[in-house]
Amino acid sequence: MVSLNEAAADMGRYLIKASLLLAVAACGASRAGVSAAERPFTVSEVTSFDSPWAMSFLPGSGVPMTKMALVTEKGGRLWLVDTASGRKEEVAGVPKVHVEGRAGCSMC
């Protein structure tokens, strides 16, 4: 015979598993087949990188005064990119990084 506490614990585990399953299913529900006409933005390649990791637009980007962004690569390089022309310049003085596994970079 199953006690009330055991039944409650089993139900709790079941609810947790069901919640996790729903969360994972929701993550996979993307609109990968969206056409360019349906997007609220445009996509255009500006320049290329060996292994881009993160990007941040600098303040004022998107207005005529400046269209600059910083792009990091997994290996530790930092680039200053002009998003209007595609010109990129490596930023000097960046600390060395230790790249390990899929998680990314960490400071040495």
C-alpha atoms as a PDB file:
ATOM      1  CA  MET A   1       0.000   0.000   0.000  1.00  0.00           C
ATOM      2  CA  VAL A   2       1.282   3.499  -0.905  1.00  0.00           C
ATOM      3  CA  SER A   3       1.203   6.119   1.815  1.00  0.00           C
ATOM      4  CA  LEU A   4      -0.248   9.565   1.248  1.00  0.00           C
ATOM      5  CA  ASN A   5       3.229  11.147   1.502  1.00  0.00           C
ATOM      6  CA  GLU A   6       4.620   8.781  -1.150  1.00  0.00           C
ATOM      7  CA  ALA A   7       1.685   9.494  -3.456  1.00  0.00           C
ATOM      8  CA  ALA A   8       2.168  13.245  -3.027  1.00  0.00           C
ATOM      9  CA  ALA A   9       5.897  12.912  -3.741  1.00  0.00           C
ATOM     10  CA  ASP A  10       5.182  10.854  -6.866  1.00  0.00           C
ATOM     11  CA  MET A  11       2.661  13.441  -8.066  1.00  0.00           C
ATOM     12  CA  GLY A  12       5.175  16.236  -7.459  1.00  0.00           C
ATOM     13  CA  ARG A  13       7.829  14.416  -9.516  1.00  0.00           C
ATOM     14  CA  TYR A  14       5.282  13.800 -12.269  1.00  0.00           C
ATOM     15  CA  LEU A  15       4.314  17.492 -12.373  1.00  0.00           C
ATOM     16  CA  ILE A  16       7.967  18.560 -12.511  1.00  0.00           C
ATOM     17  CA  LYS A  17       8.650  16.171 -15.385  1.00  0.00           C
ATOM     18  CA  ALA A  18       5.555  17.347 -17.247  1.00  0.00           C
ATOM     19  CA  SER A  19       6.524  20.998 -16.737  1.00  0.00           C
ATOM     20  CA  LEU A  20      10.047  20.382 -18.022  1.00  0.00           C
ATOM     21  CA  LEU A  21       8.690  18.531 -21.043  1.00  0.00           C
ATOM     22  CA  LEU A  22       6.371  21.429 -21.875  1.00  0.00           C
ATOM     23  CA  ALA A  23       9.195  23.951 -21.434  1.00  0.00           C
ATOM     24  CA  VAL A  24      11.487  22.007 -23.766  1.00  0.00           C
ATOM     25  CA  ALA A  25       8.703  21.628 -26.320  1.00  0.00           C
ATOM     26  CA  ALA A  26       8.016  25.370 -26.197  1.00  0.00           C
ATOM     27  CA  CYS A  27      11.692  26.119 -26.839  1.00  0.00           C
ATOM     28  CA  GLY A  28      11.581  24.078 -30.019  1.00  0.00           C
ATOM     29  CA  ALA A  29       8.505  25.854 -31.354  1.00  0.00           C
ATOM     30  CA  SER A  30      10.354  28.383 -33.477  1.00  0.00           C
ATOM     31  CA  ARG A  31       9.302  29.931 -36.758  1.00  0.00           C
ATOM     32  CA  ALA A  32      12.338  28.807 -38.742  1.00  0.00           C
ATOM     33  CA  GLY A  33      10.425  28.996 -42.018  1.00  0.00           C
ATOM     34  CA  VAL A  34       9.586  32.698 -41.764  1.00  0.00           C
ATOM     35  CA  SER A  35      10.027  34.477 -45.070  1.00  0.00           C
ATOM     36  CA  ALA A  36      11.884  37.770 -45.391  1.00  0.00           C
ATOM     37  CA  ALA A  37       8.597  39.566 -46.144  1.00  0.00           C
ATOM     38  CA  GLU A  38       7.154  38.449 -42.784  1.00  0.00           C
ATOM     39  CA  ARG A  39      10.102  39.709 -40.710  1.00  0.00           C
ATOM     40  CA  PRO A  40       9.776  43.095 -38.963  1.00  0.00           C
ATOM     41  CA  PHE A  41      13.458  43.744 -39.803  1.00  0.00           C
ATOM     42  CA  THR A  42      15.958  43.263 -42.612  1.00  0.00           C
ATOM     43  CA  VAL A  43      19.000  40.995 -42.560  1.00  0.00           C
ATOM     44  CA  SER A  44      22.183  41.747 -44.462  1.00  0.00           C
ATOM     45  CA  GLU A  45      25.713  40.428 -44.047  1.00  0.00           C
ATOM     46  CA  VAL A  46      28.134  43.236 -43.226  1.00  0.00           C
ATOM     47  CA  THR A  47      31.406  41.358 -42.694  1.00  0.00           C
ATOM     48  CA  SER A  48      32.595  37.921 -41.574  1.00  0.00           C
ATOM     49  CA  PHE A  49      34.425  36.484 -38.577  1.00  0.00           C
ATOM     50  CA  ASP A  50      36.220  33.236 -37.739  1.00  0.00           C
ATOM     51  CA  SER A  51      34.126  32.385 -34.689  1.00  0.00           C
ATOM     52  CA  PRO A  52      31.785  35.206 -33.605  1.00  0.00           C
ATOM     53  CA  TRP A  53      30.648  34.984 -30.001  1.00  0.00           C
ATOM     54  CA  ALA A  54      28.811  38.158 -29.001  1.00  0.00           C
ATOM     55  CA  MET A  55      27.855  41.511 -30.435  1.00  0.00           C
ATOM     56  CA  SER A  56      26.847  44.815 -28.877  1.00  0.00           C
ATOM     57  CA  PHE A  57      25.854  48.002 -30.665  1.00  0.00           C
ATOM     58  CA  LEU A  58      27.517  51.105 -29.310  1.00  0.00           C
ATOM     59  CA  PRO A  59      25.352  53.967 -28.004  1.00  0.00           C
ATOM     60  CA  GLY A  60      23.972  56.047 -30.823  1.00  0.00           C
ATOM     61  CA  SER A  61      24.004  53.137 -33.275  1.00  0.00           C
ATOM     62  CA  GLY A  62      21.218  53.158 -35.770  1.00  0.00           C
ATOM     63  CA  VAL A  63      21.256  56.920 -36.207  1.00  0.00           C
ATOM     64  CA  PRO A  64      23.278  58.736 -38.879  1.00  0.00           C
ATOM     65  CA  MET A  65      25.974  59.838 -36.392  1.00  0.00           C
ATOM     66  CA  THR A  66      27.345  56.360 -35.661  1.00  0.00           C
ATOM     67  CA  LYS A  67      26.689  52.805 -36.770  1.00  0.00           C
ATOM     68  CA  MET A  68      29.343  51.006 -34.763  1.00  0.00           C
ATOM     69  CA  ALA A  69      29.300  47.670 -32.970  1.00  0.00           C
ATOM     70  CA  LEU A  70      31.703  45.584 -30.899  1.00  0.00           C
ATOM     71  CA  VAL A  71      32.027  41.908 -31.853  1.00  0.00           C
ATOM     72  CA  THR A  72      33.919  39.308 -29.836  1.00  0.00           C
ATOM     73  CA  GLU A  73      35.237  36.035 -31.189  1.00  0.00           C
ATOM     74  CA  LYS A  74      35.456  32.856 -29.152  1.00  0.00           C
ATOM     75  CA  GLY A  75      39.251  32.929 -29.382  1.00  0.00           C
ATOM     76  CA  GLY A  76      39.347  36.283 -27.576  1.00  0.00           C
ATOM     77  CA  ARG A  77      39.664  38.848 -30.353  1.00  0.00           C
ATOM     78  CA  LEU A  78      37.561  42.009 -30.097  1.00  0.00           C
ATOM     79  CA  TRP A  79      36.531  43.916 -33.224  1.00  0.00           C
ATOM     80  CA  LEU A  80      35.154  47.408 -33.746  1.00  0.00           C
ATOM     81  CA  VAL A  81      32.826  47.145 -36.737  1.00  0.00           C
ATOM     82  CA  ASP A  82      31.308  49.883 -38.859  1.00  0.00           C
ATOM     83  CA  THR A  83      27.934  48.319 -39.695  1.00  0.00           C
ATOM     84  CA  ALA A  84      27.378  50.743 -42.580  1.00  0.00           C
ATOM     85  CA  SER A  85      30.585  49.959 -44.501  1.00  0.00           C
ATOM     86  CA  GLY A  86      31.561  46.544 -43.103  1.00  0.00           C
ATOM     87  CA  ARG A  87      35.007  47.858 -42.185  1.00  0.00           C
ATOM     88  CA  LYS A  88      36.351  46.156 -39.060  1.00  0.00           C
ATOM     89  CA  GLU A  89      39.331  46.965 -36.891  1.00  0.00           C
ATOM     90  CA  GLU A  90      40.807  44.711 -34.211  1.00  0.00           C
ATOM     91  CA  VAL A  91      40.851  46.332 -30.767  1.00  0.00           C
ATOM     92  CA  ALA A  92      44.268  46.179 -29.079  1.00  0.00           C
ATOM     93  CA  GLY A  93      44.897  45.570 -25.375  1.00  0.00           C
ATOM     94  CA  VAL A  94      42.236  42.899 -24.858  1.00  0.00           C
ATOM     95  CA  PRO A  95      43.117  40.455 -22.030  1.00  0.00           C
ATOM     96  CA  LYS A  96      43.988  36.878 -22.978  1.00  0.00           C
ATOM     97  CA  VAL A  97      41.164  34.369 -22.657  1.00  0.00           C
ATOM     98  CA  HIS A  98      41.064  30.666 -21.932  1.00  0.00           C
ATOM     99  CA  VAL A  99      38.698  28.896 -24.310  1.00  0.00           C
ATOM    100  CA  GLU A 100      37.301  25.665 -22.933  1.00  0.00           C
ATOM    101  CA  GLY A 101      34.513  23.470 -24.273  1.00  0.00           C
ATOM    102  CA  ARG A 102      31.256  24.844 -25.587  1.00  0.00           C
ATOM    103  CA  ALA A 103      30.654  27.259 -22.716  1.00  0.00           C
ATOM    104  CA  GLY A 104      32.926  29.911 -24.165  1.00  0.00           C
ATOM    105  CA  CYS A 105      35.566  32.243 -22.850  1.00  0.00           C
ATOM    106  CA  SER A 106      36.881  33.044 -19.425  1.00  0.00           C
ATOM    107  CA  MET A 107      39.630  35.418 -18.373  1.00  0.00           C
ATOM    108  CA  CYS A 108      43.030  33.824 -17.759  1.00  0.00           C
END
